[in-house]
C-alpha cells in the first residue's frame, strides 16, 4: 500500500489485464454489475466493471473504487 502524492489517501496499485497499473482506494465496496451503471469499480484482478453502488438485493461482488474517481486532484494526473 502507498499514499497518493496529491491528496495523501491510502491507495493500492492493481495490475489490469492490459498489464497497466491502476490506483484504487483501499476499501472494498459491494456492487451490482450493470453495463449501464453510473459507477466503475475494479476487482483485485484488475478488471474494470461498470456497476451500481446503490442497489436492492444481493451484490454481484466486492471491489475497489478507482482512485481517480475519488481524488480531488485527479485532473492533475491525466495526460494531455
PDB file of N, CA and C in Angstrom:
ATOM      1  N   UNK A   1       0.849  -1.175   0.000  1.00  0.00           N
ATOM      2  CA  UNK A   1       0.000   0.000   0.000  1.00  0.00           C
ATOM      3  C   UNK A   1       0.896   1.240   0.000  1.00  0.00           C
ATOM      4  N   UNK A   2       0.396   2.260  -0.640  1.00  0.00           N
ATOM      5  CA  UNK A   2       1.114   3.524  -0.712  1.00  0.00           C
ATOM      6  C   UNK A   2       0.111   4.659  -0.522  1.00  0.00           C
ATOM      7  N   UNK A   3       0.577   5.886  -0.595  1.00  0.00           N
ATOM      8  CA  UNK A   3      -0.329   7.025  -0.466  1.00  0.00           C
ATOM      9  C   UNK A   3      -0.285   7.861  -1.735  1.00  0.00           C
ATOM     10  N   UNK A   4      -1.390   8.509  -2.032  1.00  0.00           N
ATOM     11  CA  UNK A   4      -1.484   9.397  -3.178  1.00  0.00           C
ATOM     12  C   UNK A   4      -0.582  10.602  -2.921  1.00  0.00           C
ATOM     13  N   UNK A   5       0.216  10.956  -3.911  1.00  0.00           N
ATOM     14  CA  UNK A   5       1.147  12.073  -3.741  1.00  0.00           C
ATOM     15  C   UNK A   5       0.441  13.428  -3.669  1.00  0.00           C
ATOM     16  N   UNK A   6      -0.806  13.507  -4.105  1.00  0.00           N
ATOM     17  CA  UNK A   6      -1.541  14.776  -4.094  1.00  0.00           C
ATOM     18  C   UNK A   6      -2.470  14.912  -2.892  1.00  0.00           C
ATOM     19  N   UNK A   7      -3.293  13.871  -2.612  1.00  0.00           N
ATOM     20  CA  UNK A   7      -4.291  14.015  -1.539  1.00  0.00           C
ATOM     21  C   UNK A   7      -3.925  13.249  -0.268  1.00  0.00           C
ATOM     22  N   UNK A   8      -2.924  12.374  -0.331  1.00  0.00           N
ATOM     23  CA  UNK A   8      -2.476  11.645   0.851  1.00  0.00           C
ATOM     24  C   UNK A   8      -3.303  10.425   1.219  1.00  0.00           C
ATOM     25  N   UNK A   9      -4.310  10.071   0.406  1.00  0.00           N
ATOM     26  CA  UNK A   9      -5.146   8.899   0.695  1.00  0.00           C
ATOM     27  C   UNK A   9      -4.358   7.610   0.499  1.00  0.00           C
ATOM     28  N   UNK A  10      -4.693   6.585   1.284  1.00  0.00           N
ATOM     29  CA  UNK A  10      -4.096   5.262   1.092  1.00  0.00           C
ATOM     30  C   UNK A  10      -4.637   4.667  -0.202  1.00  0.00           C
ATOM     31  N   UNK A  11      -3.733   4.163  -1.048  1.00  0.00           N
ATOM     32  CA  UNK A  11      -4.142   3.537  -2.304  1.00  0.00           C
ATOM     33  C   UNK A  11      -3.418   2.210  -2.480  1.00  0.00           C
ATOM     34  N   UNK A  12      -4.028   1.364  -3.277  1.00  0.00           N
ATOM     35  CA  UNK A  12      -3.467   0.068  -3.658  1.00  0.00           C
ATOM     36  C   UNK A  12      -3.283   0.108  -5.170  1.00  0.00           C
ATOM     37  N   UNK A  13      -2.182  -0.430  -5.655  1.00  0.00           N
ATOM     38  CA  UNK A  13      -1.946  -0.485  -7.093  1.00  0.00           C
ATOM     39  C   UNK A  13      -2.338  -1.871  -7.591  1.00  0.00           C
ATOM     40  N   UNK A  14      -3.236  -1.908  -8.590  1.00  0.00           N
ATOM     41  CA  UNK A  14      -3.697  -3.159  -9.180  1.00  0.00           C
ATOM     42  C   UNK A  14      -3.258  -3.230 -10.633  1.00  0.00           C
ATOM     43  N   UNK A  15      -2.880  -4.414 -11.071  1.00  0.00           N
ATOM     44  CA  UNK A  15      -2.459  -4.611 -12.457  1.00  0.00           C
ATOM     45  C   UNK A  15      -3.662  -5.040 -13.284  1.00  0.00           C
ATOM     46  N   UNK A  16      -3.959  -4.299 -14.348  1.00  0.00           N
ATOM     47  CA  UNK A  16      -5.097  -4.616 -15.206  1.00  0.00           C
ATOM     48  C   UNK A  16      -4.734  -5.762 -16.160  1.00  0.00           C
ATOM     49  N   UNK A  17      -5.730  -6.374 -16.813  1.00  0.00           N
ATOM     50  CA  UNK A  17      -5.422  -7.413 -17.811  1.00  0.00           C
ATOM     51  C   UNK A  17      -4.529  -6.894 -18.942  1.00  0.00           C
ATOM     52  N   UNK A  18      -4.549  -5.575 -19.198  1.00  0.00           N
ATOM     53  CA  UNK A  18      -3.691  -4.965 -20.230  1.00  0.00           C
ATOM     54  C   UNK A  18      -2.286  -4.683 -19.696  1.00  0.00           C
ATOM     55  N   UNK A  19      -2.001  -5.155 -18.477  1.00  0.00           N
ATOM     56  CA  UNK A  19      -0.680  -5.006 -17.830  1.00  0.00           C
ATOM     57  C   UNK A  19      -0.355  -3.565 -17.441  1.00  0.00           C
ATOM     58  N   UNK A  20      -1.372  -2.733 -17.292  1.00  0.00           N
ATOM     59  CA  UNK A  20      -1.183  -1.352 -16.822  1.00  0.00           C
ATOM     60  C   UNK A  20      -1.469  -1.315 -15.325  1.00  0.00           C
ATOM     61  N   UNK A  21      -0.874  -0.371 -14.620  1.00  0.00           N
ATOM     62  CA  UNK A  21      -1.114  -0.212 -13.196  1.00  0.00           C
ATOM     63  C   UNK A  21      -2.229   0.798 -12.967  1.00  0.00           C
ATOM     64  N   UNK A  22      -3.159   0.462 -12.082  1.00  0.00           N
ATOM     65  CA  UNK A  22      -4.278   1.353 -11.771  1.00  0.00           C
ATOM     66  C   UNK A  22      -4.335   1.568 -10.262  1.00  0.00           C
ATOM     67  N   UNK A  23      -4.391   2.837  -9.816  1.00  0.00           N
ATOM     68  CA  UNK A  23      -4.538   3.106  -8.382  1.00  0.00           C
ATOM     69  C   UNK A  23      -5.996   2.925  -7.965  1.00  0.00           C
ATOM     70  N   UNK A  24      -6.198   2.317  -6.797  1.00  0.00           N
ATOM     71  CA  UNK A  24      -7.546   2.116  -6.275  1.00  0.00           C
ATOM     72  C   UNK A  24      -7.556   2.440  -4.787  1.00  0.00           C
ATOM     73  N   UNK A  25      -8.704   2.910  -4.309  1.00  0.00           N
ATOM     74  CA  UNK A  25      -8.846   3.157  -2.875  1.00  0.00           C
ATOM     75  C   UNK A  25      -8.772   1.827  -2.136  1.00  0.00           C
ATOM     76  N   UNK A  26      -8.323   1.871  -0.893  1.00  0.00           N
ATOM     77  CA  UNK A  26      -8.043   0.626  -0.179  1.00  0.00           C
ATOM     78  C   UNK A  26      -9.257  -0.196   0.225  1.00  0.00           C
ATOM     79  N   UNK A  27     -10.396   0.413   0.488  1.00  0.00           N
ATOM     80  CA  UNK A  27     -11.548  -0.335   0.983  1.00  0.00           C
ATOM     81  C   UNK A  27     -12.311  -1.074  -0.097  1.00  0.00           C
ATOM     82  N   UNK A  28     -12.970  -2.163   0.292  1.00  0.00           N
ATOM     83  CA  UNK A  28     -13.824  -2.919  -0.624  1.00  0.00           C
ATOM     84  C   UNK A  28     -15.269  -2.443  -0.478  1.00  0.00           C
ATOM     85  N   UNK A  29     -16.002  -2.430  -1.611  1.00  0.00           N
ATOM     86  CA  UNK A  29     -17.391  -1.987  -1.621  1.00  0.00           C
ATOM     87  C   UNK A  29     -18.241  -3.023  -2.347  1.00  0.00           C
ATOM     88  N   UNK A  30     -19.456  -3.302  -1.843  1.00  0.00           N
ATOM     89  CA  UNK A  30     -20.357  -4.188  -2.586  1.00  0.00           C
ATOM     90  C   UNK A  30     -20.853  -3.467  -3.833  1.00  0.00           C
ATOM     91  N   UNK A  31     -21.023  -4.212  -4.920  1.00  0.00           N
ATOM     92  CA  UNK A  31     -21.513  -3.621  -6.159  1.00  0.00           C
ATOM     93  C   UNK A  31     -22.463  -4.584  -6.861  1.00  0.00           C
ATOM     94  N   UNK A  32     -23.288  -4.048  -7.728  1.00  0.00           N
ATOM     95  CA  UNK A  32     -24.184  -4.828  -8.580  1.00  0.00           C
ATOM     96  C   UNK A  32     -23.789  -4.526 -10.017  1.00  0.00           C
ATOM     97  N   UNK A  33     -23.316  -5.536 -10.755  1.00  0.00           N
ATOM     98  CA  UNK A  33     -22.863  -5.343 -12.127  1.00  0.00           C
ATOM     99  C   UNK A  33     -24.012  -4.814 -12.994  1.00  0.00           C
ATOM    100  N   UNK A  34     -23.713  -3.757 -13.752  1.00  0.00           N
ATOM    101  CA  UNK A  34     -24.693  -3.133 -14.631  1.00  0.00           C
ATOM    102  C   UNK A  34     -23.924  -2.416 -15.741  1.00  0.00           C
ATOM    103  N   UNK A  35     -23.954  -2.931 -16.978  1.00  0.00           N
ATOM    104  CA  UNK A  35     -23.213  -2.300 -18.074  1.00  0.00           C
ATOM    105  C   UNK A  35     -23.576  -0.835 -18.298  1.00  0.00           C
ATOM    106  N   UNK A  36     -24.755  -0.419 -17.843  1.00  0.00           N
ATOM    107  CA  UNK A  36     -25.178   0.975 -17.989  1.00  0.00           C
ATOM    108  C   UNK A  36     -25.122   1.715 -16.657  1.00  0.00           C
ATOM    109  N   UNK A  37     -24.438   1.138 -15.671  1.00  0.00           N
ATOM    110  CA  UNK A  37     -24.356   1.729 -14.345  1.00  0.00           C
ATOM    111  C   UNK A  37     -23.620   3.051 -14.327  1.00  0.00           C
ATOM    112  N   UNK A  38     -23.821   3.793 -13.254  1.00  0.00           N
ATOM    113  CA  UNK A  38     -23.215   5.114 -13.112  1.00  0.00           C
ATOM    114  C   UNK A  38     -21.835   5.076 -12.477  1.00  0.00           C
ATOM    115  N   UNK A  39     -21.433   3.926 -11.966  1.00  0.00           N
ATOM    116  CA  UNK A  39     -20.157   3.826 -11.253  1.00  0.00           C
ATOM    117  C   UNK A  39     -19.234   2.818 -11.924  1.00  0.00           C
ATOM    118  N   UNK A  40     -17.972   2.896 -11.546  1.00  0.00           N
ATOM    119  CA  UNK A  40     -16.955   1.961 -12.017  1.00  0.00           C
ATOM    120  C   UNK A  40     -16.202   1.445 -10.809  1.00  0.00           C
ATOM    121  N   UNK A  41     -15.960   0.143 -10.781  1.00  0.00           N
ATOM    122  CA  UNK A  41     -15.128  -0.456  -9.740  1.00  0.00           C
ATOM    123  C   UNK A  41     -14.056  -1.292 -10.417  1.00  0.00           C
ATOM    124  N   UNK A  42     -13.050  -1.663  -9.652  1.00  0.00           N
ATOM    125  CA  UNK A  42     -12.005  -2.531 -10.165  1.00  0.00           C
ATOM    126  C   UNK A  42     -11.806  -3.649  -9.149  1.00  0.00           C
ATOM    127  N   UNK A  43     -11.802  -4.899  -9.634  1.00  0.00           N
ATOM    128  CA  UNK A  43     -11.609  -6.008  -8.701  1.00  0.00           C
ATOM    129  C   UNK A  43     -10.117  -6.261  -8.496  1.00  0.00           C
ATOM    130  N   UNK A  44      -9.795  -7.190  -7.622  1.00  0.00           N
ATOM    131  CA  UNK A  44      -8.392  -7.429  -7.287  1.00  0.00           C
ATOM    132  C   UNK A  44      -7.597  -8.069  -8.423  1.00  0.00           C
ATOM    133  N   UNK A  45      -8.261  -8.453  -9.517  1.00  0.00           N
ATOM    134  CA  UNK A  45      -7.582  -8.975 -10.703  1.00  0.00           C
ATOM    135  C   UNK A  45      -7.403  -7.884 -11.747  1.00  0.00           C
ATOM    136  N   UNK A  46      -7.794  -6.642 -11.394  1.00  0.00           N
ATOM    137  CA  UNK A  46      -7.610  -5.503 -12.275  1.00  0.00           C
ATOM    138  C   UNK A  46      -8.681  -5.328 -13.323  1.00  0.00           C
ATOM    139  N   UNK A  47      -9.765  -6.087 -13.232  1.00  0.00           N
ATOM    140  CA  UNK A  47     -10.849  -5.951 -14.192  1.00  0.00           C
ATOM    141  C   UNK A  47     -11.727  -4.750 -13.817  1.00  0.00           C
ATOM    142  N   UNK A  48     -11.957  -3.878 -14.779  1.00  0.00           N
ATOM    143  CA  UNK A  48     -12.791  -2.698 -14.567  1.00  0.00           C
ATOM    144  C   UNK A  48     -14.234  -3.088 -14.875  1.00  0.00           C
ATOM    145  N   UNK A  49     -15.150  -2.756 -13.953  1.00  0.00           N
ATOM    146  CA  UNK A  49     -16.541  -3.199 -14.055  1.00  0.00           C
ATOM    147  C   UNK A  49     -17.482  -2.000 -13.903  1.00  0.00           C
ATOM    148  N   UNK A  50     -18.386  -1.813 -14.869  1.00  0.00           N
ATOM    149  CA  UNK A  50     -19.455  -0.810 -14.749  1.00  0.00           C
ATOM    150  C   UNK A  50     -20.504  -1.396 -13.823  1.00  0.00           C
ATOM    151  N   UNK A  51     -21.012  -0.558 -12.915  1.00  0.00           N
ATOM    152  CA  UNK A  51     -21.897  -1.102 -11.890  1.00  0.00           C
ATOM    153  C   UNK A  51     -22.735  -0.023 -11.228  1.00  0.00           C
ATOM    154  N   UNK A  52     -23.568  -0.483 -10.309  1.00  0.00           N
ATOM    155  CA  UNK A  52     -24.293   0.386  -9.398  1.00  0.00           C
ATOM    156  C   UNK A  52     -23.756   0.119  -8.000  1.00  0.00           C
ATOM    157  N   UNK A  53     -23.498   1.171  -7.240  1.00  0.00           N
ATOM    158  CA  UNK A  53     -23.042   1.012  -5.858  1.00  0.00           C
ATOM    159  C   UNK A  53     -24.214   1.084  -4.885  1.00  0.00           C
ATOM    160  N   UNK A  54     -25.346   1.580  -5.351  1.00  0.00           N
ATOM    161  CA  UNK A  54     -26.572   1.604  -4.561  1.00  0.00           C
ATOM    162  C   UNK A  54     -27.586   0.741  -5.302  1.00  0.00           C
ATOM    163  N   UNK A  55     -28.091  -0.309  -4.646  1.00  0.00           N
ATOM    164  CA  UNK A  55     -28.972  -1.266  -5.306  1.00  0.00           C
ATOM    165  C   UNK A  55     -29.767  -2.046  -4.265  1.00  0.00           C
ATOM    166  N   UNK A  56     -30.804  -2.704  -4.729  1.00  0.00           N
ATOM    167  CA  UNK A  56     -31.584  -3.614  -3.891  1.00  0.00           C
ATOM    168  C   UNK A  56     -31.120  -5.036  -4.175  1.00  0.00           C
ATOM    169  N   UNK A  57     -31.258  -5.911  -3.193  1.00  0.00           N
ATOM    170  CA  UNK A  57     -30.900  -7.312  -3.399  1.00  0.00           C
ATOM    171  C   UNK A  57     -29.458  -7.602  -3.071  1.00  0.00           C
ATOM    172  N   UNK A  58     -29.003  -8.754  -3.539  1.00  0.00           N
ATOM    173  CA  UNK A  58     -27.642  -9.212  -3.259  1.00  0.00           C
ATOM    174  C   UNK A  58     -26.636  -8.581  -4.210  1.00  0.00           C
ATOM    175  N   UNK A  59     -25.428  -8.310  -3.709  1.00  0.00           N
ATOM    176  CA  UNK A  59     -24.396  -7.750  -4.589  1.00  0.00           C
ATOM    177  C   UNK A  59     -23.833  -8.810  -5.524  1.00  0.00           C
ATOM    178  N   UNK A  60     -23.278  -8.337  -6.632  1.00  0.00           N
ATOM    179  CA  UNK A  60     -22.558  -9.214  -7.548  1.00  0.00           C
ATOM    180  C   UNK A  60     -21.230  -9.623  -6.926  1.00  0.00           C
ATOM    181  N   UNK A  61     -20.622  -8.701  -6.199  1.00  0.00           N
ATOM    182  CA  UNK A  61     -19.331  -8.971  -5.582  1.00  0.00           C
ATOM    183  C   UNK A  61     -18.828  -7.771  -4.803  1.00  0.00           C
ATOM    184  N   UNK A  62     -17.564  -7.849  -4.434  1.00  0.00           N
ATOM    185  CA  UNK A  62     -16.892  -6.783  -3.707  1.00  0.00           C
ATOM    186  C   UNK A  62     -15.711  -6.319  -4.555  1.00  0.00           C
ATOM    187  N   UNK A  63     -15.539  -5.007  -4.647  1.00  0.00           N
ATOM    188  CA  UNK A  63     -14.440  -4.460  -5.453  1.00  0.00           C
ATOM    189  C   UNK A  63     -14.032  -3.102  -4.903  1.00  0.00           C
ATOM    190  N   UNK A  64     -13.021  -2.525  -5.504  1.00  0.00           N
ATOM    191  CA  UNK A  64     -12.472  -1.250  -5.053  1.00  0.00           C
ATOM    192  C   UNK A  64     -12.871  -0.116  -5.999  1.00  0.00           C
ATOM    193  N   UNK A  65     -12.924   1.081  -5.461  1.00  0.00           N
ATOM    194  CA  UNK A  65     -13.209   2.273  -6.260  1.00  0.00           C
ATOM    195  C   UNK A  65     -11.874   2.761  -6.842  1.00  0.00           C
ATOM    196  N   UNK A  66     -11.800   2.978  -8.166  1.00  0.00           N
ATOM    197  CA  UNK A  66     -10.574   3.543  -8.733  1.00  0.00           C
ATOM    198  C   UNK A  66     -10.271   4.884  -8.062  1.00  0.00           C
ATOM    199  N   UNK A  67      -9.018   5.128  -7.739  1.00  0.00           N
ATOM    200  CA  UNK A  67      -8.686   6.346  -7.014  1.00  0.00           C
ATOM    201  C   UNK A  67      -8.963   7.604  -7.827  1.00  0.00           C
ATOM    202  N   UNK A  68      -8.906   7.517  -9.145  1.00  0.00           N
ATOM    203  CA  UNK A  68      -9.194   8.698  -9.958  1.00  0.00           C
ATOM    204  C   UNK A  68     -10.638   9.163  -9.800  1.00  0.00           C
ATOM    205  N   UNK A  69     -11.521   8.290  -9.294  1.00  0.00           N
ATOM    206  CA  UNK A  69     -12.920   8.667  -9.094  1.00  0.00           C
ATOM    207  C   UNK A  69     -13.136   9.427  -7.789  1.00  0.00           C
ATOM    208  N   UNK A  70     -12.187   9.335  -6.854  1.00  0.00           N
ATOM    209  CA  UNK A  70     -12.361   9.963  -5.549  1.00  0.00           C
ATOM    210  C   UNK A  70     -11.325  11.035  -5.231  1.00  0.00           C
ATOM    211  N   UNK A  71     -10.227  11.066  -5.950  1.00  0.00           N
ATOM    212  CA  UNK A  71      -9.160  12.023  -5.661  1.00  0.00           C
ATOM    213  C   UNK A  71      -9.550  13.428  -6.130  1.00  0.00           C
ATOM    214  N   UNK A  72      -9.484  14.411  -5.244  1.00  0.00           N
ATOM    215  CA  UNK A  72      -9.825  15.780  -5.651  1.00  0.00           C
ATOM    216  C   UNK A  72      -8.811  16.375  -6.639  1.00  0.00           C
ATOM    217  N   UNK A  73      -7.675  15.713  -6.809  1.00  0.00           N
ATOM    218  CA  UNK A  73      -6.621  16.203  -7.712  1.00  0.00           C
ATOM    219  C   UNK A  73      -6.458  15.324  -8.953  1.00  0.00           C
ATOM    220  N   UNK A  74      -7.448  14.505  -9.267  1.00  0.00           N
ATOM    221  CA  UNK A  74      -7.331  13.547 -10.364  1.00  0.00           C
ATOM    222  C   UNK A  74      -6.963  14.203 -11.692  1.00  0.00           C
ATOM    223  N   UNK A  75      -7.497  15.386 -11.970  1.00  0.00           N
ATOM    224  CA  UNK A  75      -7.209  16.062 -13.248  1.00  0.00           C
ATOM    225  C   UNK A  75      -5.729  16.382 -13.416  1.00  0.00           C
ATOM    226  N   UNK A  76      -5.009  16.527 -12.328  1.00  0.00           N
ATOM    227  CA  UNK A  76      -3.581  16.844 -12.402  1.00  0.00           C
ATOM    228  C   UNK A  76      -2.752  15.660 -12.867  1.00  0.00           C
ATOM    229  N   UNK A  77      -3.309  14.437 -12.787  1.00  0.00           N
ATOM    230  CA  UNK A  77      -2.587  13.241 -13.198  1.00  0.00           C
ATOM    231  C   UNK A  77      -2.876  12.850 -14.647  1.00  0.00           C
ATOM    232  N   UNK A  78      -3.939  13.387 -15.224  1.00  0.00           N
ATOM    233  CA  UNK A  78      -4.341  12.989 -16.579  1.00  0.00           C
ATOM    234  C   UNK A  78      -3.363  13.535 -17.613  1.00  0.00           C
ATOM    235  N   UNK A  79      -3.061  12.655 -18.587  1.00  0.00           N
ATOM    236  CA  UNK A  79      -2.181  13.078 -19.682  1.00  0.00           C
ATOM    237  C   UNK A  79      -2.951  13.989 -20.612  1.00  0.00           C
ATOM    238  N   UNK A  80      -2.288  15.008 -21.109  1.00  0.00           N
ATOM    239  CA  UNK A  80      -2.939  15.960 -22.013  1.00  0.00           C
ATOM    240  C   UNK A  80      -2.609  15.665 -23.443  1.00  0.00           C
TER     241      UNK A  80
END
